[in-house]
Amino acid sequence: MGETTTTLDMRVELLKDSVLKAPVVWKEGYPYFVHPLSDGVPRQSSELLAAARDLISENVDWESIDIILAIEAMGIPLAAALCLSSGKPLVICRKRSYGLPGETPIDQSTGYSKGQLYLNDIDQGSRVLIVDDVVSTGGTLHPILKAVEGTGATVQDCWIVFEKGEGMNKIREQGSWPLNSLVRIEMIDDKITVLD
């Protein structure tokens, strides 16, 4: 048991340390940390991706999951790793429309952008695991949660690598979705703080 706890602690510490070292840039007055798991730069190490994958995988009841839903763009690498390790199929909520039957358009608004996402291939009755890199304002995740339910599917679980600010708490107040994160952070200006 001690070895498992030590391994768990090492993976969590790896994620925390990596985000504390992340550079911060400003986009239209909004502080944005640049991280391998959320931006693909600086380069992503296999250890960092494996740590996030394993921490999520160990907490998901895979028997209750039918499909993994990744949010474009940076939810894709993590969801692909989970797809490979779990054997569960993967679909991606995309930023472009394909016009496929049953496609669901989703309006999203973040702290620095607005646009549409498109949900495809989520069947009624499916039990969905949603995976993404960061939630800040909740302006992307919240409409996706509602859209998944609108298809007649169930949000069975949801894992975010970095929970930044109050976005997840605002979503929690608006529904009973199972929302989880690996690392909670706060940003004041260009300073990142890891919260326990």
N, C-alpha and C. Protein backbone atom coordinates (compact mmCIF):
# COMPACT_ATOMS: atom_id res chain seq x y z
N MET A 1 0.83 -1.20 0.00
CA MET A 1 0.00 0.00 0.00
C MET A 1 0.86 1.25 0.00
N GLY A 2 1.96 1.25 0.79
CA GLY A 2 2.83 2.41 0.84
C GLY A 2 3.45 2.74 -0.49
N GLU A 3 3.80 1.71 -1.25
CA GLU A 3 4.41 1.94 -2.57
C GLU A 3 3.41 2.60 -3.51
N THR A 4 2.16 2.14 -3.46
CA THR A 4 1.12 2.73 -4.30
C THR A 4 0.91 4.20 -3.93
N THR A 5 0.85 4.50 -2.64
CA THR A 5 0.68 5.87 -2.19
C THR A 5 1.87 6.73 -2.64
N THR A 6 3.08 6.18 -2.54
CA THR A 6 4.26 6.91 -2.97
C THR A 6 4.22 7.19 -4.47
N THR A 7 3.84 6.18 -5.25
CA THR A 7 3.73 6.36 -6.70
C THR A 7 2.67 7.41 -7.03
N LEU A 8 1.52 7.33 -6.36
CA LEU A 8 0.45 8.31 -6.55
C LEU A 8 0.96 9.70 -6.23
N ASP A 9 1.60 9.85 -5.08
CA ASP A 9 2.13 11.14 -4.68
C ASP A 9 3.14 11.68 -5.69
N MET A 10 3.99 10.81 -6.22
CA MET A 10 5.00 11.24 -7.19
C MET A 10 4.34 11.75 -8.47
N ARG A 11 3.27 11.10 -8.91
CA ARG A 11 2.58 11.54 -10.14
C ARG A 11 1.87 12.87 -9.91
N VAL A 12 1.22 13.00 -8.78
CA VAL A 12 0.55 14.27 -8.45
C VAL A 12 1.58 15.38 -8.33
N GLU A 13 2.70 15.10 -7.67
CA GLU A 13 3.75 16.11 -7.51
C GLU A 13 4.36 16.49 -8.86
N LEU A 14 4.49 15.52 -9.77
CA LEU A 14 5.00 15.81 -11.11
C LEU A 14 4.09 16.81 -11.82
N LEU A 15 2.78 16.60 -11.74
CA LEU A 15 1.82 17.52 -12.36
C LEU A 15 1.86 18.89 -11.69
N LYS A 16 1.88 18.91 -10.36
CA LYS A 16 1.92 20.19 -9.65
C LYS A 16 3.19 20.97 -9.98
N ASP A 17 4.33 20.29 -9.94
CA ASP A 17 5.61 20.93 -10.24
C ASP A 17 5.62 21.48 -11.66
N SER A 18 5.07 20.71 -12.60
CA SER A 18 5.09 21.15 -14.00
C SER A 18 4.26 22.41 -14.22
N VAL A 19 3.13 22.53 -13.53
CA VAL A 19 2.30 23.71 -13.74
C VAL A 19 2.90 24.92 -13.03
N LEU A 20 3.57 24.70 -11.91
CA LEU A 20 4.23 25.82 -11.23
C LEU A 20 5.36 26.41 -12.07
N LYS A 21 5.95 25.60 -12.93
CA LYS A 21 7.04 26.05 -13.80
C LYS A 21 6.54 26.59 -15.15
N ALA A 22 5.24 26.53 -15.38
CA ALA A 22 4.69 26.94 -16.67
C ALA A 22 4.80 28.45 -16.88
N PRO A 23 5.21 28.87 -18.08
CA PRO A 23 5.20 30.30 -18.36
C PRO A 23 3.76 30.83 -18.46
N VAL A 24 3.59 32.10 -18.19
CA VAL A 24 2.27 32.73 -18.26
C VAL A 24 2.31 33.81 -19.33
N VAL A 25 1.30 33.81 -20.19
CA VAL A 25 1.15 34.85 -21.20
C VAL A 25 -0.21 35.51 -21.00
N TRP A 26 -0.36 36.69 -21.57
CA TRP A 26 -1.63 37.40 -21.47
C TRP A 26 -2.30 37.42 -22.83
N LYS A 27 -3.59 37.04 -22.85
CA LYS A 27 -4.39 37.09 -24.07
C LYS A 27 -5.60 37.97 -23.78
N GLU A 28 -5.62 39.12 -24.39
CA GLU A 28 -6.74 40.07 -24.24
C GLU A 28 -7.08 40.31 -22.77
N GLY A 29 -6.04 40.56 -21.96
CA GLY A 29 -6.24 40.87 -20.55
C GLY A 29 -6.50 39.65 -19.68
N TYR A 30 -6.30 38.46 -20.21
CA TYR A 30 -6.60 37.23 -19.50
C TYR A 30 -5.30 36.45 -19.29
N PRO A 31 -4.91 36.11 -18.03
CA PRO A 31 -3.68 35.35 -17.80
C PRO A 31 -3.86 33.89 -18.20
N TYR A 32 -2.92 33.39 -18.97
CA TYR A 32 -3.03 32.06 -19.56
C TYR A 32 -1.71 31.34 -19.35
N PHE A 33 -1.74 30.20 -18.64
CA PHE A 33 -0.50 29.46 -18.45
C PHE A 33 -0.26 28.53 -19.64
N VAL A 34 0.98 28.41 -20.04
CA VAL A 34 1.35 27.60 -21.21
C VAL A 34 1.99 26.33 -20.69
N HIS A 35 1.34 25.20 -20.96
CA HIS A 35 1.74 23.93 -20.36
C HIS A 35 1.68 22.81 -21.40
N PRO A 36 2.57 21.83 -21.31
CA PRO A 36 2.56 20.74 -22.28
C PRO A 36 1.21 20.01 -22.39
N LEU A 37 0.51 19.79 -21.28
CA LEU A 37 -0.76 19.08 -21.33
C LEU A 37 -1.92 19.95 -21.80
N SER A 38 -1.77 21.26 -21.70
CA SER A 38 -2.86 22.15 -22.12
C SER A 38 -2.58 22.87 -23.43
N ASP A 39 -1.35 22.84 -23.89
CA ASP A 39 -1.00 23.59 -25.10
C ASP A 39 -0.11 22.82 -26.07
N GLY A 40 0.52 21.76 -25.60
CA GLY A 40 1.44 21.03 -26.47
C GLY A 40 2.81 21.67 -26.56
N VAL A 41 3.01 22.77 -25.86
CA VAL A 41 4.32 23.42 -25.74
C VAL A 41 4.46 23.90 -24.30
N PRO A 42 5.61 23.92 -23.72
CA PRO A 42 6.79 23.23 -24.20
C PRO A 42 6.48 21.75 -24.43
N ARG A 43 7.44 21.02 -25.01
CA ARG A 43 7.18 19.64 -25.41
C ARG A 43 6.66 18.80 -24.26
N GLN A 44 5.77 17.89 -24.60
CA GLN A 44 5.12 17.03 -23.63
C GLN A 44 5.95 15.75 -23.45
N SER A 45 6.28 15.43 -22.22
CA SER A 45 7.03 14.21 -21.96
C SER A 45 6.06 13.05 -21.78
N SER A 46 6.54 11.86 -22.07
CA SER A 46 5.71 10.67 -21.87
C SER A 46 5.38 10.50 -20.39
N GLU A 47 6.29 10.88 -19.49
CA GLU A 47 6.05 10.75 -18.05
C GLU A 47 4.89 11.65 -17.60
N LEU A 48 4.84 12.85 -18.12
CA LEU A 48 3.78 13.79 -17.74
C LEU A 48 2.42 13.30 -18.23
N LEU A 49 2.35 12.89 -19.49
CA LEU A 49 1.10 12.37 -20.04
C LEU A 49 0.69 11.09 -19.33
N ALA A 50 1.65 10.21 -19.05
CA ALA A 50 1.34 8.96 -18.35
C ALA A 50 0.85 9.23 -16.93
N ALA A 51 1.41 10.22 -16.27
CA ALA A 51 0.96 10.55 -14.91
C ALA A 51 -0.50 10.97 -14.92
N ALA A 52 -0.87 11.86 -15.84
CA ALA A 52 -2.27 12.31 -15.93
C ALA A 52 -3.17 11.14 -16.32
N ARG A 53 -2.76 10.36 -17.31
CA ARG A 53 -3.56 9.20 -17.74
C ARG A 53 -3.80 8.24 -16.58
N ASP A 54 -2.72 7.88 -15.87
CA ASP A 54 -2.84 6.88 -14.80
C ASP A 54 -3.67 7.39 -13.63
N LEU A 55 -3.49 8.65 -13.27
CA LEU A 55 -4.26 9.21 -12.15
C LEU A 55 -5.76 9.21 -12.46
N ILE A 56 -6.10 9.52 -13.70
CA ILE A 56 -7.52 9.48 -14.08
C ILE A 56 -7.99 8.03 -14.19
N SER A 57 -7.24 7.23 -14.90
CA SER A 57 -7.64 5.84 -15.15
C SER A 57 -7.92 5.07 -13.86
N GLU A 58 -7.10 5.29 -12.85
CA GLU A 58 -7.26 4.58 -11.58
C GLU A 58 -8.51 5.02 -10.81
N ASN A 59 -9.09 6.15 -11.18
CA ASN A 59 -10.27 6.67 -10.48
C ASN A 59 -11.57 6.51 -11.25
N VAL A 60 -11.50 5.93 -12.45
CA VAL A 60 -12.69 5.75 -13.27
C VAL A 60 -13.18 4.31 -13.12
N ASP A 61 -14.47 4.15 -12.95
CA ASP A 61 -15.09 2.82 -12.97
C ASP A 61 -15.34 2.47 -14.44
N TRP A 62 -14.38 1.80 -15.05
CA TRP A 62 -14.42 1.55 -16.49
C TRP A 62 -15.59 0.65 -16.91
N GLU A 63 -16.10 -0.15 -16.00
CA GLU A 63 -17.25 -0.99 -16.33
C GLU A 63 -18.50 -0.14 -16.58
N SER A 64 -18.51 1.09 -16.06
CA SER A 64 -19.68 1.95 -16.22
C SER A 64 -19.50 2.98 -17.34
N ILE A 65 -18.45 2.82 -18.15
CA ILE A 65 -18.17 3.76 -19.25
C ILE A 65 -18.35 3.07 -20.59
N ASP A 66 -19.08 3.71 -21.50
CA ASP A 66 -19.25 3.19 -22.86
C ASP A 66 -18.35 3.90 -23.86
N ILE A 67 -18.10 5.20 -23.62
CA ILE A 67 -17.33 5.97 -24.60
C ILE A 67 -16.61 7.13 -23.88
N ILE A 68 -15.44 7.46 -24.40
CA ILE A 68 -14.67 8.61 -23.90
C ILE A 68 -14.90 9.77 -24.85
N LEU A 69 -15.22 10.93 -24.31
CA LEU A 69 -15.41 12.14 -25.10
C LEU A 69 -14.28 13.12 -24.78
N ALA A 70 -13.47 13.42 -25.79
CA ALA A 70 -12.40 14.41 -25.66
C ALA A 70 -12.88 15.73 -26.20
N ILE A 71 -12.39 16.81 -25.62
CA ILE A 71 -12.72 18.14 -26.12
C ILE A 71 -11.51 18.66 -26.88
N GLU A 72 -11.74 19.06 -28.15
CA GLU A 72 -10.66 19.58 -28.98
C GLU A 72 -10.13 20.87 -28.38
N ALA A 73 -8.87 21.11 -28.34
CA ALA A 73 -7.85 20.29 -28.98
C ALA A 73 -7.07 19.49 -27.96
N MET A 74 -6.78 20.07 -26.80
CA MET A 74 -5.80 19.43 -25.93
C MET A 74 -6.37 18.35 -25.02
N GLY A 75 -7.65 18.08 -25.10
CA GLY A 75 -8.19 16.91 -24.45
C GLY A 75 -7.87 15.64 -25.23
N ILE A 76 -7.48 15.82 -26.50
CA ILE A 76 -7.28 14.67 -27.40
C ILE A 76 -6.11 13.78 -26.97
N PRO A 77 -4.90 14.31 -26.71
CA PRO A 77 -3.81 13.40 -26.34
C PRO A 77 -4.12 12.57 -25.09
N LEU A 78 -4.71 13.18 -24.09
CA LEU A 78 -5.03 12.47 -22.86
C LEU A 78 -6.12 11.43 -23.11
N ALA A 79 -7.16 11.80 -23.86
CA ALA A 79 -8.23 10.85 -24.15
C ALA A 79 -7.73 9.69 -25.01
N ALA A 80 -6.81 9.96 -25.93
CA ALA A 80 -6.23 8.89 -26.75
C ALA A 80 -5.46 7.91 -25.87
N ALA A 81 -4.70 8.44 -24.91
CA ALA A 81 -3.96 7.58 -23.99
C ALA A 81 -4.93 6.74 -23.15
N LEU A 82 -6.03 7.33 -22.70
CA LEU A 82 -7.03 6.59 -21.94
C LEU A 82 -7.74 5.55 -22.80
N CYS A 83 -7.99 5.89 -24.05
CA CYS A 83 -8.60 4.95 -25.00
C CYS A 83 -7.72 3.72 -25.15
N LEU A 84 -6.43 3.93 -25.33
CA LEU A 84 -5.49 2.82 -25.50
C LEU A 84 -5.38 1.96 -24.24
N SER A 85 -5.36 2.60 -23.08
CA SER A 85 -5.17 1.83 -21.85
C SER A 85 -6.46 1.14 -21.39
N SER A 86 -7.63 1.71 -21.72
CA SER A 86 -8.90 1.14 -21.24
C SER A 86 -9.57 0.25 -22.27
N GLY A 87 -9.27 0.47 -23.55
CA GLY A 87 -9.95 -0.27 -24.60
C GLY A 87 -11.32 0.31 -24.94
N LYS A 88 -11.67 1.45 -24.34
CA LYS A 88 -12.96 2.09 -24.61
C LYS A 88 -12.84 2.98 -25.85
N PRO A 89 -13.91 3.07 -26.66
CA PRO A 89 -13.86 3.92 -27.86
C PRO A 89 -13.80 5.40 -27.48
N LEU A 90 -13.35 6.21 -28.44
CA LEU A 90 -13.12 7.63 -28.25
C LEU A 90 -13.81 8.42 -29.35
N VAL A 91 -14.44 9.52 -28.97
CA VAL A 91 -14.99 10.48 -29.92
C VAL A 91 -14.55 11.87 -29.47
N ILE A 92 -14.45 12.79 -30.43
CA ILE A 92 -13.93 14.12 -30.12
C ILE A 92 -14.98 15.19 -30.40
N CYS A 93 -15.21 16.05 -29.41
CA CYS A 93 -16.05 17.22 -29.61
C CYS A 93 -15.20 18.22 -30.39
N ARG A 94 -15.58 18.45 -31.66
CA ARG A 94 -14.74 19.18 -32.59
C ARG A 94 -15.14 20.65 -32.74
N LYS A 95 -14.19 21.42 -33.29
CA LYS A 95 -14.42 22.84 -33.55
C LYS A 95 -14.97 23.07 -34.95
N ARG A 96 -15.19 22.00 -35.69
CA ARG A 96 -15.77 22.15 -37.03
C ARG A 96 -16.94 21.20 -37.20
N SER A 97 -17.87 21.63 -38.03
CA SER A 97 -19.05 20.83 -38.32
C SER A 97 -18.74 19.86 -39.46
N TYR A 98 -19.26 18.64 -39.32
CA TYR A 98 -19.17 17.66 -40.40
C TYR A 98 -20.53 17.43 -41.04
N GLY A 99 -21.59 17.93 -40.42
CA GLY A 99 -22.93 17.77 -40.97
C GLY A 99 -23.44 16.34 -40.91
N LEU A 100 -22.89 15.54 -40.03
CA LEU A 100 -23.33 14.16 -39.91
C LEU A 100 -24.71 14.11 -39.24
N PRO A 101 -25.47 13.05 -39.51
CA PRO A 101 -26.78 12.93 -38.85
C PRO A 101 -26.63 12.94 -37.33
N GLY A 102 -27.48 13.71 -36.67
CA GLY A 102 -27.45 13.78 -35.21
C GLY A 102 -26.41 14.72 -34.64
N GLU A 103 -25.67 15.43 -35.50
CA GLU A 103 -24.65 16.36 -35.00
C GLU A 103 -25.31 17.44 -34.14
N THR A 104 -24.68 17.74 -33.00
CA THR A 104 -25.21 18.73 -32.07
C THR A 104 -24.26 19.93 -32.01
N PRO A 105 -24.70 21.12 -32.45
CA PRO A 105 -23.86 22.31 -32.30
C PRO A 105 -23.92 22.81 -30.86
N ILE A 106 -22.78 23.30 -30.37
CA ILE A 106 -22.67 23.77 -28.99
C ILE A 106 -22.01 25.15 -29.00
N ASP A 107 -22.69 26.15 -28.45
CA ASP A 107 -22.08 27.47 -28.29
C ASP A 107 -21.20 27.45 -27.05
N GLN A 108 -19.96 27.94 -27.20
CA GLN A 108 -19.05 27.99 -26.06
C GLN A 108 -18.40 29.37 -25.99
N SER A 109 -18.11 29.77 -24.77
CA SER A 109 -17.50 31.07 -24.54
C SER A 109 -16.52 30.94 -23.38
N THR A 110 -15.25 31.21 -23.65
CA THR A 110 -14.23 31.13 -22.61
C THR A 110 -13.81 32.54 -22.20
N GLY A 111 -12.79 32.62 -21.37
CA GLY A 111 -12.29 33.92 -20.94
C GLY A 111 -11.64 34.71 -22.07
N TYR A 112 -11.28 34.02 -23.17
CA TYR A 112 -10.58 34.71 -24.25
C TYR A 112 -11.10 34.38 -25.65
N SER A 113 -12.16 33.56 -25.78
CA SER A 113 -12.68 33.27 -27.12
C SER A 113 -14.14 32.82 -27.04
N LYS A 114 -14.80 32.90 -28.20
CA LYS A 114 -16.17 32.41 -28.37
C LYS A 114 -16.20 31.62 -29.66
N GLY A 115 -17.09 30.65 -29.72
CA GLY A 115 -17.20 29.87 -30.94
C GLY A 115 -18.20 28.75 -30.78
N GLN A 116 -18.15 27.84 -31.76
CA GLN A 116 -19.02 26.67 -31.71
C GLN A 116 -18.20 25.41 -31.71
N LEU A 117 -18.72 24.42 -31.00
CA LEU A 117 -18.18 23.08 -31.02
C LEU A 117 -19.28 22.17 -31.55
N TYR A 118 -18.88 20.97 -32.00
CA TYR A 118 -19.84 20.05 -32.59
C TYR A 118 -19.66 18.66 -32.01
N LEU A 119 -20.77 18.14 -31.52
CA LEU A 119 -20.78 16.83 -30.89
C LEU A 119 -21.38 15.82 -31.86
N ASN A 120 -20.67 14.73 -32.09
CA ASN A 120 -21.14 13.66 -32.97
C ASN A 120 -20.96 12.31 -32.31
N ASP A 121 -21.77 11.37 -32.73
CA ASP A 121 -21.60 9.95 -32.40
C ASP A 121 -21.70 9.63 -30.92
N ILE A 122 -22.57 10.36 -30.22
CA ILE A 122 -22.90 10.01 -28.84
C ILE A 122 -24.32 9.44 -28.89
N ASP A 123 -24.45 8.16 -28.61
CA ASP A 123 -25.74 7.48 -28.71
C ASP A 123 -26.58 7.69 -27.46
N GLN A 124 -27.89 7.70 -27.66
CA GLN A 124 -28.81 7.76 -26.53
C GLN A 124 -28.52 6.57 -25.63
N GLY A 125 -28.47 6.83 -24.33
CA GLY A 125 -28.21 5.76 -23.37
C GLY A 125 -26.74 5.50 -23.10
N SER A 126 -25.84 6.10 -23.89
CA SER A 126 -24.40 5.89 -23.66
C SER A 126 -23.98 6.53 -22.35
N ARG A 127 -23.03 5.87 -21.70
CA ARG A 127 -22.44 6.38 -20.46
C ARG A 127 -21.08 6.96 -20.83
N VAL A 128 -20.95 8.28 -20.67
CA VAL A 128 -19.84 9.04 -21.24
C VAL A 128 -18.85 9.48 -20.16
N LEU A 129 -17.57 9.30 -20.46
CA LEU A 129 -16.48 9.90 -19.68
C LEU A 129 -15.97 11.09 -20.47
N ILE A 130 -16.06 12.28 -19.91
CA ILE A 130 -15.55 13.49 -20.56
C ILE A 130 -14.16 13.78 -20.00
N VAL A 131 -13.22 14.09 -20.89
CA VAL A 131 -11.84 14.37 -20.50
C VAL A 131 -11.39 15.66 -21.18
N ASP A 132 -10.76 16.54 -20.39
CA ASP A 132 -10.18 17.75 -20.98
C ASP A 132 -8.98 18.18 -20.15
N ASP A 133 -8.26 19.15 -20.68
CA ASP A 133 -7.01 19.59 -20.06
C ASP A 133 -7.23 20.62 -18.95
N VAL A 134 -8.03 21.66 -19.22
CA VAL A 134 -8.19 22.76 -18.27
C VAL A 134 -9.63 23.24 -18.27
N VAL A 135 -10.13 23.57 -17.10
CA VAL A 135 -11.38 24.33 -17.00
C VAL A 135 -11.04 25.59 -16.22
N SER A 136 -11.35 26.74 -16.81
CA SER A 136 -11.13 28.02 -16.14
C SER A 136 -12.48 28.67 -15.81
N THR A 137 -13.16 29.12 -16.85
CA THR A 137 -14.45 29.79 -16.64
C THR A 137 -15.62 28.81 -16.65
N GLY A 138 -15.43 27.65 -17.26
CA GLY A 138 -16.51 26.68 -17.43
C GLY A 138 -17.31 26.92 -18.68
N GLY A 139 -16.91 27.93 -19.48
CA GLY A 139 -17.66 28.32 -20.67
C GLY A 139 -17.62 27.30 -21.80
N THR A 140 -16.73 26.34 -21.75
CA THR A 140 -16.72 25.25 -22.72
C THR A 140 -17.35 24.00 -22.12
N LEU A 141 -16.92 23.63 -20.93
CA LEU A 141 -17.38 22.39 -20.32
C LEU A 141 -18.88 22.40 -20.04
N HIS A 142 -19.40 23.48 -19.48
CA HIS A 142 -20.81 23.51 -19.10
C HIS A 142 -21.74 23.24 -20.29
N PRO A 143 -21.58 23.92 -21.42
CA PRO A 143 -22.47 23.62 -22.54
C PRO A 143 -22.27 22.20 -23.10
N ILE A 144 -21.07 21.65 -22.98
CA ILE A 144 -20.85 20.27 -23.44
C ILE A 144 -21.59 19.29 -22.53
N LEU A 145 -21.53 19.50 -21.23
CA LEU A 145 -22.27 18.64 -20.30
C LEU A 145 -23.75 18.64 -20.65
N LYS A 146 -24.32 19.82 -20.89
CA LYS A 146 -25.74 19.92 -21.23
C LYS A 146 -26.03 19.26 -22.58
N ALA A 147 -25.12 19.42 -23.54
CA ALA A 147 -25.33 18.83 -24.87
C ALA A 147 -25.30 17.31 -24.81
N VAL A 148 -24.37 16.76 -24.03
CA VAL A 148 -24.31 15.29 -23.89
C VAL A 148 -25.63 14.78 -23.33
N GLU A 149 -26.13 15.42 -22.29
CA GLU A 149 -27.41 15.02 -21.73
C GLU A 149 -28.55 15.21 -22.73
N GLY A 150 -28.43 16.25 -23.57
CA GLY A 150 -29.44 16.50 -24.59
C GLY A 150 -29.53 15.41 -25.64
N THR A 151 -28.48 14.63 -25.79
CA THR A 151 -28.50 13.50 -26.74
C THR A 151 -29.18 12.28 -26.14
N GLY A 152 -29.48 12.35 -24.84
CA GLY A 152 -30.05 11.20 -24.15
C GLY A 152 -28.99 10.31 -23.53
N ALA A 153 -27.74 10.74 -23.59
CA ALA A 153 -26.64 10.02 -22.95
C ALA A 153 -26.50 10.50 -21.52
N THR A 154 -25.65 9.82 -20.75
CA THR A 154 -25.40 10.18 -19.36
C THR A 154 -23.93 10.57 -19.20
N VAL A 155 -23.68 11.69 -18.55
CA VAL A 155 -22.31 12.03 -18.18
C VAL A 155 -22.00 11.18 -16.94
N GLN A 156 -21.31 10.08 -17.18
CA GLN A 156 -21.02 9.13 -16.11
C GLN A 156 -19.85 9.60 -15.25
N ASP A 157 -18.89 10.27 -15.88
CA ASP A 157 -17.72 10.77 -15.17
C ASP A 157 -17.11 11.88 -15.99
N CYS A 158 -16.36 12.75 -15.33
CA CYS A 158 -15.70 13.87 -16.02
C CYS A 158 -14.42 14.17 -15.27
N TRP A 159 -13.31 14.17 -16.02
CA TRP A 159 -12.00 14.45 -15.41
C TRP A 159 -11.29 15.55 -16.18
N ILE A 160 -10.80 16.53 -15.44
CA ILE A 160 -10.06 17.65 -15.96
C ILE A 160 -8.67 17.61 -15.31
N VAL A 161 -7.62 17.86 -16.07
CA VAL A 161 -6.28 17.84 -15.49
C VAL A 161 -6.11 19.03 -14.55
N PHE A 162 -6.33 20.25 -15.06
CA PHE A 162 -6.12 21.45 -14.26
C PHE A 162 -7.43 22.21 -14.08
N GLU A 163 -7.82 22.38 -12.84
CA GLU A 163 -8.99 23.19 -12.48
C GLU A 163 -8.48 24.55 -12.04
N LYS A 164 -8.76 25.56 -12.85
CA LYS A 164 -8.24 26.91 -12.61
C LYS A 164 -9.41 27.83 -12.28
N GLY A 165 -9.32 28.51 -11.18
CA GLY A 165 -10.35 29.49 -10.84
C GLY A 165 -11.65 28.86 -10.38
N GLU A 166 -12.75 29.55 -10.62
CA GLU A 166 -14.06 29.16 -10.07
C GLU A 166 -14.99 28.51 -11.08
N GLY A 167 -14.53 28.27 -12.31
CA GLY A 167 -15.41 27.71 -13.34
C GLY A 167 -16.06 26.40 -12.96
N MET A 168 -15.29 25.47 -12.42
CA MET A 168 -15.84 24.16 -12.05
C MET A 168 -16.85 24.31 -10.91
N ASN A 169 -16.56 25.20 -9.95
CA ASN A 169 -17.50 25.41 -8.85
C ASN A 169 -18.81 25.99 -9.36
N LYS A 170 -18.74 26.89 -10.33
CA LYS A 170 -19.97 27.45 -10.91
C LYS A 170 -20.78 26.37 -11.60
N ILE A 171 -20.10 25.46 -12.31
CA ILE A 171 -20.81 24.35 -12.97
C ILE A 171 -21.42 23.43 -11.92
N ARG A 172 -20.69 23.15 -10.87
CA ARG A 172 -21.19 22.28 -9.80
C ARG A 172 -22.49 22.83 -9.20
N GLU A 173 -22.59 24.15 -9.14
CA GLU A 173 -23.79 24.78 -8.59
C GLU A 173 -25.00 24.64 -9.52
N GLN A 174 -24.75 24.36 -10.81
CA GLN A 174 -25.83 24.33 -11.79
C GLN A 174 -26.27 22.92 -12.17
N GLY A 175 -25.69 21.91 -11.55
CA GLY A 175 -26.08 20.54 -11.89
C GLY A 175 -25.41 19.55 -10.96
N SER A 176 -25.71 18.29 -11.19
CA SER A 176 -25.16 17.25 -10.33
C SER A 176 -24.19 16.35 -11.10
N TRP A 177 -23.47 16.94 -12.01
CA TRP A 177 -22.50 16.17 -12.80
C TRP A 177 -21.32 15.74 -11.93
N PRO A 178 -20.74 14.58 -12.21
CA PRO A 178 -19.57 14.11 -11.46
C PRO A 178 -18.30 14.78 -11.99
N LEU A 179 -17.96 15.92 -11.44
CA LEU A 179 -16.82 16.71 -11.94
C LEU A 179 -15.61 16.51 -11.04
N ASN A 180 -14.49 16.15 -11.66
CA ASN A 180 -13.25 15.88 -10.93
C ASN A 180 -12.08 16.56 -11.62
N SER A 181 -11.07 16.88 -10.82
CA SER A 181 -9.83 17.43 -11.40
C SER A 181 -8.64 16.83 -10.66
N LEU A 182 -7.50 16.85 -11.34
CA LEU A 182 -6.28 16.32 -10.74
C LEU A 182 -5.54 17.38 -9.92
N VAL A 183 -5.47 18.60 -10.44
CA VAL A 183 -4.73 19.68 -9.77
C VAL A 183 -5.57 20.95 -9.84
N ARG A 184 -5.78 21.57 -8.69
CA ARG A 184 -6.49 22.85 -8.63
C ARG A 184 -5.47 23.96 -8.51
N ILE A 185 -5.62 24.97 -9.35
CA ILE A 185 -4.70 26.10 -9.31
C ILE A 185 -5.45 27.41 -9.27
N GLU A 186 -4.73 28.43 -8.84
CA GLU A 186 -5.25 29.79 -8.83
C GLU A 186 -4.19 30.66 -9.49
N MET A 187 -4.66 31.62 -10.28
CA MET A 187 -3.73 32.57 -10.90
C MET A 187 -4.11 33.97 -10.49
N ILE A 188 -3.14 34.68 -9.96
CA ILE A 188 -3.30 36.11 -9.69
C ILE A 188 -2.20 36.79 -10.49
N ASP A 189 -2.64 37.57 -11.46
CA ASP A 189 -1.73 38.16 -12.44
C ASP A 189 -0.92 37.04 -13.10
N ASP A 190 0.40 37.05 -12.98
CA ASP A 190 1.18 36.01 -13.65
C ASP A 190 1.75 35.00 -12.65
N LYS A 191 1.14 34.91 -11.47
CA LYS A 191 1.60 33.96 -10.45
C LYS A 191 0.61 32.79 -10.35
N ILE A 192 1.16 31.57 -10.46
CA ILE A 192 0.36 30.35 -10.33
C ILE A 192 0.56 29.78 -8.93
N THR A 193 -0.55 29.45 -8.28
CA THR A 193 -0.51 28.81 -6.97
C THR A 193 -1.29 27.51 -7.06
N VAL A 194 -0.73 26.42 -6.54
CA VAL A 194 -1.43 25.14 -6.47
C VAL A 194 -2.21 25.10 -5.18
N LEU A 195 -3.50 24.77 -5.28
CA LEU A 195 -4.36 24.68 -4.11
C LEU A 195 -4.50 23.22 -3.70
N ASP A 196 -4.67 22.99 -2.42
CA ASP A 196 -4.87 21.60 -1.94
C ASP A 196 -6.33 21.27 -1.82
